[in-house]
Every structure is written in structure tokens, then in C-alpha cells.
Amino acid sequence: MITRQRVALRLRVDPVACDAYGYCAEILPERVTLDEWGYPIVDGTPVDADLVALAIRAGAECPRRAVLLERVTVNR
């Protein structure tokens, strides 16, 4: 049996670097929510293809560079 794999992007937040500006949640509310103190919460699942551009923008516009995008391998 052949297992097919694809590469996807996963959103991650560096909690030490984050200063809770909240730009990531404004740019990508579909994937980022804020806790009661304004810090982002992400679930770590791969970003849908239609949201990749916004995820990249959220990472690029984070003033503390705390929003990270990682490549992950996903089995189908």
C-alpha cells in the first residue's frame, strides 16, 4: 500500500516572544482567537489552502515575529 503525503503549513505562536498585539487575530480570525489577556490561541492543525496567504501575512506583520509558519507532512 502506498501512503500519499503532502506538505502543508501549520501556524504556531512563540509565547515567549508574543506581546499580545492581536494583529494575527485581526488578519486571520478563522484560525486565531485571543484569550482573555489578548494572547493568540491556535490549534496547530494545517492551514487550509485558501487561508495560506493570510497566514503568511499574519506572520509577516507580527511586530514581535511571534507568529510562525511551519511546514508539516500530512498523510492522506
Protein backbone atom coordinates (compact mmCIF):
# COMPACT_ATOMS: atom_id res chain seq x y z
CA MET A 1 0.00 0.00 0.00
CA ILE A 2 1.27 3.45 -0.93
CA THR A 3 0.80 6.24 1.58
CA ARG A 4 0.48 9.62 -0.05
CA GLN A 5 1.86 12.61 1.76
CA ARG A 6 1.52 16.28 1.13
CA VAL A 7 3.23 19.29 2.63
CA ALA A 8 1.07 21.80 4.46
CA LEU A 9 1.63 24.82 6.66
CA ARG A 10 0.85 24.95 10.35
CA LEU A 11 0.52 28.15 12.36
CA ARG A 12 2.36 28.34 15.66
CA VAL A 13 2.89 31.12 18.21
CA ASP A 14 6.04 31.64 20.26
CA PRO A 15 4.51 32.51 23.65
CA VAL A 16 7.76 33.99 24.97
CA ALA A 17 8.12 36.43 22.07
CA CYS A 18 4.43 37.38 21.89
CA ASP A 19 3.36 40.71 23.41
CA ALA A 20 -0.37 40.29 22.64
CA TYR A 21 -0.73 42.95 19.95
CA GLY A 22 -3.52 40.87 18.35
CA TYR A 23 -2.74 41.67 14.72
CA CYS A 24 -2.71 37.96 13.89
CA ALA A 25 -6.31 37.55 15.07
CA GLU A 26 -7.39 40.60 13.07
CA ILE A 27 -5.76 39.27 9.91
CA LEU A 28 -6.70 35.62 10.35
CA PRO A 29 -9.76 35.33 12.63
CA GLU A 30 -10.63 31.98 11.05
CA ARG A 31 -7.58 30.38 12.71
CA VAL A 32 -6.53 32.68 15.57
CA THR A 33 -8.55 33.58 18.63
CA LEU A 34 -7.41 35.64 21.59
CA ASP A 35 -7.52 34.62 25.23
CA GLU A 36 -8.79 36.94 27.96
CA TRP A 37 -5.42 38.76 28.10
CA GLY A 38 -5.19 39.21 24.32
CA TYR A 39 -2.72 36.41 23.61
CA PRO A 40 -3.33 34.31 20.50
CA ILE A 41 -4.63 30.75 20.59
CA VAL A 42 -4.09 28.47 17.59
CA ASP A 43 -4.98 24.79 17.33
CA GLY A 44 -1.91 23.63 15.38
CA THR A 45 -3.78 21.96 12.54
CA PRO A 46 -2.66 22.59 8.95
CA VAL A 47 -3.87 25.85 7.44
CA ASP A 48 -6.46 25.46 4.69
CA ALA A 49 -5.14 26.28 1.22
CA ASP A 50 -7.47 29.27 0.86
CA LEU A 51 -6.06 30.82 4.06
CA VAL A 52 -2.33 30.34 3.41
CA ALA A 53 -1.82 33.86 2.04
CA LEU A 54 -3.47 35.36 5.13
CA ALA A 55 -1.41 33.13 7.42
CA ILE A 56 1.78 34.31 5.74
CA ARG A 57 0.63 37.92 6.13
CA ALA A 58 -0.18 37.36 9.83
CA GLY A 59 3.34 36.06 10.38
CA ALA A 60 4.95 38.88 8.42
CA GLU A 61 3.01 41.62 10.20
CA CYS A 62 3.57 40.38 13.74
CA PRO A 63 5.65 43.12 15.41
CA ARG A 64 7.44 40.59 17.64
CA ARG A 65 7.78 37.87 14.95
CA ALA A 66 5.98 35.51 17.33
CA VAL A 67 3.66 34.05 14.68
CA LEU A 68 5.46 31.25 12.90
CA LEU A 69 4.58 29.06 9.93
CA GLU A 70 5.98 25.56 9.86
CA ARG A 71 5.92 23.04 7.05
CA VAL A 72 4.35 19.75 8.10
CA THR A 73 3.82 16.48 6.29
CA VAL A 74 0.22 15.32 6.20
CA ASN A 75 -0.75 11.74 5.33
CA ARG A 76 -3.77 11.22 3.11
